[in-house]
């Protein structure tokens, strides 16, 4: 596979501090990027302080994951991930140019397809009235695009970028898609959750993607992301999973690094866990994404990562 490549270096540091000691904690991590034909992991290392052994495995969604147990007592915990990834420059709109009949609403899935896609077709449980309002909102995009599935998805993606406000601190992990629709503000996770809910109500499988985006400090033209970024992948009939970034109004190309996919944020969280003891927790996350490309590089190199999924 030949093509232009962008090489990105990601450093992700998460620090926890506690007013009283933690006696023991267990942690699950999604910090090692996905390795496939579109992005090649050149190197990836995860370190935990206090120093512990990491169990690395492939989770049920096919993501690379890690697990560790930290025995206390401790009052500070630092988790650092350092990765270099080559992202292949593939035209994100190439699938729209294939000589096939453009998919339209309503969608008719074969029974075996529906079985395999079931986890990505079930919308979030909300009150009936809220579900109805989100469905009506989603259908308004279908109607204005004459039932064309791809045009509907492009329209929703651009709508969020143009008419929703990227407002850090305005929401939290429990903010529902309905609240985001009403307030028209939030962060990347919120826009992704609403997009996923709308797609699933329309019968289109959708999944949550957690990763990073390279902004290049280009100012107000792009919504910055100094932490993990979130976007959406939609399963389009006869085409497959395709990415949509409603925060930036784009289709992911060489700016995006995928780390994990799942039904929702909880399946893909960079760090999660359980602590025993410890009070007064504060958390700080620092992420940097740098372009370290070699201009003349054209062919993906052989990955050198030492991690091998079980």
Protein backbone atom coordinates (compact mmCIF):
# COMPACT_ATOMS: atom_id res chain seq x y z
CA UNK A 1 0.00 0.00 0.00
CA UNK A 2 1.67 3.22 -1.17
CA UNK A 3 0.75 6.74 -0.19
CA UNK A 4 1.82 9.78 1.76
CA UNK A 5 2.36 9.25 5.46
CA UNK A 6 2.14 11.54 8.46
CA UNK A 7 4.18 10.43 11.45
CA UNK A 8 2.78 11.65 14.77
CA UNK A 9 4.34 11.48 18.22
CA UNK A 10 1.87 11.36 21.12
CA UNK A 11 2.69 11.79 24.78
CA UNK A 12 -0.18 11.29 27.24
CA UNK A 13 0.42 11.82 30.97
CA UNK A 14 -2.29 11.28 33.61
CA UNK A 15 -1.51 12.20 37.21
CA UNK A 16 -3.66 11.43 40.26
CA UNK A 17 -3.11 12.96 43.71
CA UNK A 18 -4.90 12.14 46.97
CA UNK A 19 -5.18 13.91 50.30
CA UNK A 20 -5.12 10.58 52.16
CA UNK A 21 -3.30 7.42 51.07
CA UNK A 22 -4.77 4.88 48.66
CA UNK A 23 -4.31 1.34 49.99
CA UNK A 24 -4.82 -0.47 46.68
CA UNK A 25 -6.12 0.28 43.19
CA UNK A 26 -6.87 -1.54 39.96
CA UNK A 27 -6.68 0.19 36.58
CA UNK A 28 -7.72 -0.49 32.97
CA UNK A 29 -6.00 1.49 30.23
CA UNK A 30 -6.61 2.21 26.55
CA UNK A 31 -3.45 4.11 25.67
CA UNK A 32 -1.76 2.06 22.94
CA UNK A 33 -3.01 3.10 19.46
CA UNK A 34 -4.73 0.68 17.08
CA UNK A 35 -2.40 -0.97 14.54
CA UNK A 36 -3.86 -1.73 11.11
CA UNK A 37 -3.38 -0.89 7.43
CA UNK A 38 -4.41 2.74 7.94
CA UNK A 39 -2.17 3.49 10.90
CA UNK A 40 1.07 1.76 11.82
CA UNK A 41 2.35 1.79 15.41
CA UNK A 42 6.10 2.34 15.17
CA UNK A 43 6.68 2.35 18.92
CA UNK A 44 4.56 2.49 22.03
CA UNK A 45 5.45 2.39 25.70
CA UNK A 46 3.29 2.70 28.81
CA UNK A 47 4.78 3.42 32.23
CA UNK A 48 3.09 3.50 35.63
CA UNK A 49 4.57 5.07 38.77
CA UNK A 50 4.68 3.61 41.41
CA UNK A 51 6.22 0.95 39.20
CA UNK A 52 3.98 -2.08 38.56
CA UNK A 53 3.70 -4.84 35.99
CA UNK A 54 1.23 -4.37 33.16
CA UNK A 55 -0.91 -7.15 31.72
CA UNK A 56 -1.49 -6.36 28.05
CA UNK A 57 -4.29 -7.97 26.06
CA UNK A 58 -6.82 -7.53 23.25
CA UNK A 59 -10.24 -6.52 24.54
CA UNK A 60 -13.56 -7.75 23.14
CA UNK A 61 -13.71 -4.83 20.68
CA UNK A 62 -10.27 -5.63 19.24
CA UNK A 63 -8.51 -2.75 21.01
CA UNK A 64 -5.12 -3.05 22.67
CA UNK A 65 -5.67 -2.70 26.40
CA UNK A 66 -3.66 -2.90 29.63
CA UNK A 67 -4.48 -3.76 33.21
CA UNK A 68 -2.51 -3.26 36.41
CA UNK A 69 -2.88 -3.47 40.18
CA UNK A 70 -1.10 -0.92 42.37
CA UNK A 71 -0.56 -1.84 46.01
CA UNK A 72 -0.27 1.06 48.40
CA UNK A 73 -0.09 3.03 50.34
CA UNK A 74 0.47 5.88 47.89
CA UNK A 75 -0.76 9.44 47.43
CA UNK A 76 0.42 10.04 43.86
CA UNK A 77 -0.03 7.93 40.74
CA UNK A 78 1.37 8.76 37.30
CA UNK A 79 0.51 6.96 34.06
CA UNK A 80 2.51 7.90 30.99
CA UNK A 81 2.07 6.67 27.41
CA UNK A 82 4.50 7.55 24.63
CA UNK A 83 3.69 6.45 21.06
CA UNK A 84 4.88 7.10 17.52
CA UNK A 85 2.32 6.33 14.81
CA UNK A 86 2.38 6.52 11.02
CA UNK A 87 -0.99 7.52 9.56
CA UNK A 88 -1.58 6.69 5.89
CA UNK A 89 -3.05 9.50 3.82
CA UNK A 90 -6.21 7.94 2.38
CA UNK A 91 -8.92 10.03 0.69
CA UNK A 92 -11.73 10.02 3.30
CA UNK A 93 -14.32 10.63 0.56
CA UNK A 94 -13.14 7.76 -1.68
CA UNK A 95 -16.06 5.57 -0.57
CA UNK A 96 -18.53 8.06 -2.06
CA UNK A 97 -17.04 7.50 -5.52
CA UNK A 98 -17.53 3.73 -5.68
CA UNK A 99 -19.75 2.49 -8.54
CA UNK A 100 -22.54 1.19 -6.31
CA UNK A 101 -26.10 2.19 -5.67
CA UNK A 102 -26.04 4.90 -3.01
CA UNK A 103 -27.65 3.58 0.20
CA UNK A 104 -30.98 5.13 1.12
CA UNK A 105 -33.48 5.07 3.97
CA UNK A 106 -35.05 2.90 5.19
CA UNK A 107 -32.20 0.44 5.73
CA UNK A 108 -32.90 -3.28 5.55
CA UNK A 109 -30.30 -5.37 7.37
CA UNK A 110 -30.02 -9.11 6.86
CA UNK A 111 -30.69 -11.07 10.09
CA UNK A 112 -27.02 -12.07 10.48
CA UNK A 113 -25.91 -8.48 9.88
CA UNK A 114 -28.29 -7.21 12.55
CA UNK A 115 -26.97 -9.83 14.98
CA UNK A 116 -23.36 -8.76 14.45
CA UNK A 117 -24.21 -5.05 14.56
CA UNK A 118 -26.63 -5.24 17.51
CA UNK A 119 -24.30 -3.54 20.06
CA UNK A 120 -24.08 -0.51 17.76
CA UNK A 121 -27.78 -0.23 16.95
CA UNK A 122 -29.17 0.19 20.47
CA UNK A 123 -29.56 3.88 21.43
CA UNK A 124 -29.05 5.19 24.92
CA UNK A 125 -31.99 4.68 27.28
CA UNK A 126 -33.75 7.99 27.74
CA UNK A 127 -37.34 9.05 28.54
CA UNK A 128 -39.74 8.37 25.67
CA UNK A 129 -40.36 12.06 25.04
CA UNK A 130 -36.63 12.75 24.71
CA UNK A 131 -36.08 9.82 22.37
CA UNK A 132 -38.94 11.05 20.21
CA UNK A 133 -37.46 14.56 20.00
CA UNK A 134 -34.01 13.24 19.05
CA UNK A 135 -35.60 10.94 16.45
CA UNK A 136 -37.60 13.80 14.94
CA UNK A 137 -34.44 15.91 14.87
CA UNK A 138 -32.55 13.12 13.10
CA UNK A 139 -35.38 12.59 10.61
CA UNK A 140 -35.26 16.28 9.68
CA UNK A 141 -31.82 15.63 8.18
CA UNK A 142 -33.10 12.58 6.32
CA UNK A 143 -35.95 14.58 4.83
CA UNK A 144 -33.85 17.53 3.72
CA UNK A 145 -31.44 15.11 1.99
CA UNK A 146 -34.18 13.11 0.24
CA UNK A 147 -33.39 9.90 2.10
CA UNK A 148 -29.77 9.68 0.93
CA UNK A 149 -27.83 8.09 3.81
CA UNK A 150 -24.39 9.53 3.03
CA UNK A 151 -25.67 13.06 2.45
CA UNK A 152 -27.63 12.83 5.69
CA UNK A 153 -24.50 11.84 7.63
CA UNK A 154 -22.42 14.60 6.02
CA UNK A 155 -25.15 17.10 6.87
CA UNK A 156 -25.32 16.07 10.55
CA UNK A 157 -21.53 16.16 10.85
CA UNK A 158 -21.36 19.70 9.45
CA UNK A 159 -24.37 20.86 11.47
CA UNK A 160 -22.64 20.10 14.76
CA UNK A 161 -19.49 21.94 13.70
CA UNK A 162 -21.33 25.02 12.44
CA UNK A 163 -24.15 25.39 14.95
CA UNK A 164 -23.00 23.73 18.20
CA UNK A 165 -20.57 25.50 20.51
CA UNK A 166 -17.39 23.79 21.70
CA UNK A 167 -17.51 24.78 25.38
CA UNK A 168 -15.11 23.00 27.76
CA UNK A 169 -16.53 22.58 31.25
CA UNK A 170 -20.15 22.96 30.15
CA UNK A 171 -20.90 19.23 30.46
CA UNK A 172 -19.79 16.13 32.38
CA UNK A 173 -19.58 12.38 31.80
CA UNK A 174 -23.27 11.89 32.67
CA UNK A 175 -24.56 14.58 30.26
CA UNK A 176 -27.16 12.96 28.01
CA UNK A 177 -27.48 13.34 24.22
CA UNK A 178 -30.80 15.11 24.79
CA UNK A 179 -29.18 17.76 26.99
CA UNK A 180 -26.56 18.35 24.32
CA UNK A 181 -29.22 18.73 21.63
CA UNK A 182 -31.16 21.26 23.71
CA UNK A 183 -28.18 23.32 24.87
CA UNK A 184 -26.24 23.02 21.59
CA UNK A 185 -22.96 23.08 23.45
CA UNK A 186 -20.45 20.63 24.84
CA UNK A 187 -17.15 18.98 23.93
CA UNK A 188 -16.10 16.26 21.52
CA UNK A 189 -17.53 13.46 23.68
CA UNK A 190 -20.95 15.14 23.80
CA UNK A 191 -21.17 15.75 20.05
CA UNK A 192 -20.12 12.16 19.40
CA UNK A 193 -22.73 10.81 21.83
CA UNK A 194 -25.53 12.80 20.16
CA UNK A 195 -24.40 11.77 16.66
CA UNK A 196 -24.33 8.11 17.74
CA UNK A 197 -27.78 8.33 19.31
CA UNK A 198 -29.26 9.95 16.19
CA UNK A 199 -27.67 7.41 13.84
CA UNK A 200 -28.87 4.44 15.89
CA UNK A 201 -32.42 5.80 16.04
CA UNK A 202 -32.29 5.94 12.24
CA UNK A 203 -31.21 2.30 12.10
CA UNK A 204 -27.56 3.04 11.27
CA UNK A 205 -24.89 1.29 13.37
CA UNK A 206 -22.58 3.75 15.08
CA UNK A 207 -19.65 3.37 17.45
CA UNK A 208 -17.58 5.64 19.65
CA UNK A 209 -13.92 6.30 18.82
CA UNK A 210 -11.39 7.56 21.34
CA UNK A 211 -7.97 8.79 20.27
CA UNK A 212 -6.03 11.95 19.50
CA UNK A 213 -6.13 14.72 16.92
CA UNK A 214 -3.22 16.80 15.67
CA UNK A 215 -4.29 20.45 15.59
CA UNK A 216 -0.97 22.07 14.68
CA UNK A 217 -1.92 25.16 16.69
CA UNK A 218 -3.86 26.56 13.76
CA UNK A 219 -5.98 28.83 15.93
CA UNK A 220 -9.73 29.25 15.85
CA UNK A 221 -10.18 27.43 12.52
CA UNK A 222 -10.17 24.10 14.36
CA UNK A 223 -11.52 23.13 17.76
CA UNK A 224 -8.40 22.40 19.79
CA UNK A 225 -7.98 19.22 21.76
CA UNK A 226 -5.29 19.18 24.43
CA UNK A 227 -6.60 15.90 25.81
CA UNK A 228 -8.06 12.74 24.32
CA UNK A 229 -10.30 13.38 21.35
CA UNK A 230 -13.54 11.59 20.44
CA UNK A 231 -15.34 11.06 17.17
CA UNK A 232 -17.71 8.58 15.51
CA UNK A 233 -17.56 5.67 13.11
CA UNK A 234 -20.69 4.83 11.14
CA UNK A 235 -21.30 1.48 9.42
CA UNK A 236 -22.60 2.26 5.94
CA UNK A 237 -24.18 -0.59 3.92
CA UNK A 238 -21.80 -2.13 1.33
CA UNK A 239 -19.05 0.29 2.42
CA UNK A 240 -18.12 -0.46 6.04
CA UNK A 241 -17.01 1.63 9.04
CA UNK A 242 -16.31 5.26 8.17
CA UNK A 243 -15.19 8.03 10.50
CA UNK A 244 -16.95 11.36 11.14
CA UNK A 245 -15.59 14.08 13.42
CA UNK A 246 -18.53 16.35 14.33
CA UNK A 247 -16.38 18.56 16.59
CA UNK A 248 -14.30 19.68 13.63
CA UNK A 249 -16.82 19.05 10.84
CA UNK A 250 -14.40 16.75 9.02
CA UNK A 251 -13.86 13.14 8.03
CA UNK A 252 -10.74 11.82 9.83
CA UNK A 253 -7.67 11.60 7.63
CA UNK A 254 -4.06 12.11 8.77
CA UNK A 255 -4.79 14.31 11.80
CA UNK A 256 -6.50 11.55 13.77
CA UNK A 257 -4.97 8.67 15.72
CA UNK A 258 -7.39 5.91 16.75
CA UNK A 259 -6.77 4.28 20.13
CA UNK A 260 -10.00 2.41 20.89
CA UNK A 261 -13.54 1.83 19.58
CA UNK A 262 -16.62 0.66 21.44
CA UNK A 263 -20.30 1.13 22.11
CA UNK A 264 -19.74 4.28 24.16
CA UNK A 265 -17.11 6.18 26.13
CA UNK A 266 -16.91 3.61 28.92
CA UNK A 267 -15.65 0.96 26.49
CA UNK A 268 -12.81 3.20 25.31
CA UNK A 269 -11.81 5.35 28.30
CA UNK A 270 -8.05 6.04 28.33
CA UNK A 271 -7.93 5.35 32.07
CA UNK A 272 -10.48 3.84 34.43
CA UNK A 273 -10.29 1.92 37.66
CA UNK A 274 -11.25 1.23 41.25
CA UNK A 275 -9.47 2.55 44.35
CA UNK A 276 -9.60 1.34 47.93
CA UNK A 277 -9.07 4.13 50.44
CA UNK A 278 -7.85 7.53 49.40
CA UNK A 279 -9.85 10.75 49.56
CA UNK A 280 -9.64 14.17 47.94
CA UNK A 281 -8.69 12.98 44.46
CA UNK A 282 -7.42 15.46 41.87
CA UNK A 283 -6.52 14.49 38.32
CA UNK A 284 -4.41 16.25 35.72
CA UNK A 285 -4.09 15.18 32.08
CA UNK A 286 -1.43 16.53 29.73
CA UNK A 287 -1.40 15.47 26.06
CA UNK A 288 0.93 16.61 23.30
CA UNK A 289 0.71 15.57 19.65
CA UNK A 290 3.62 16.48 17.37
CA UNK A 291 4.15 16.01 13.65
CA UNK A 292 7.53 14.30 13.22
CA UNK A 293 7.05 13.21 9.60
CA UNK A 294 9.86 12.49 7.18
CA UNK A 295 8.81 14.23 3.98
CA UNK A 296 10.33 11.65 1.64
CA UNK A 297 8.71 8.64 3.32
CA UNK A 298 6.19 6.90 1.10
CA UNK A 299 5.91 3.27 2.18
CA UNK A 300 4.74 2.21 5.67
CA UNK A 301 7.67 0.78 7.66
CA UNK A 302 7.58 -2.52 9.47
CA UNK A 303 6.15 -1.95 12.97
CA UNK A 304 8.67 -2.33 15.78
CA UNK A 305 6.31 -2.40 18.73
CA UNK A 306 7.15 -5.17 21.16
CA UNK A 307 3.52 -5.67 22.20
CA UNK A 308 1.84 -8.76 20.80
CA UNK A 309 -1.88 -9.25 21.61
CA UNK A 310 -2.69 -12.59 23.15
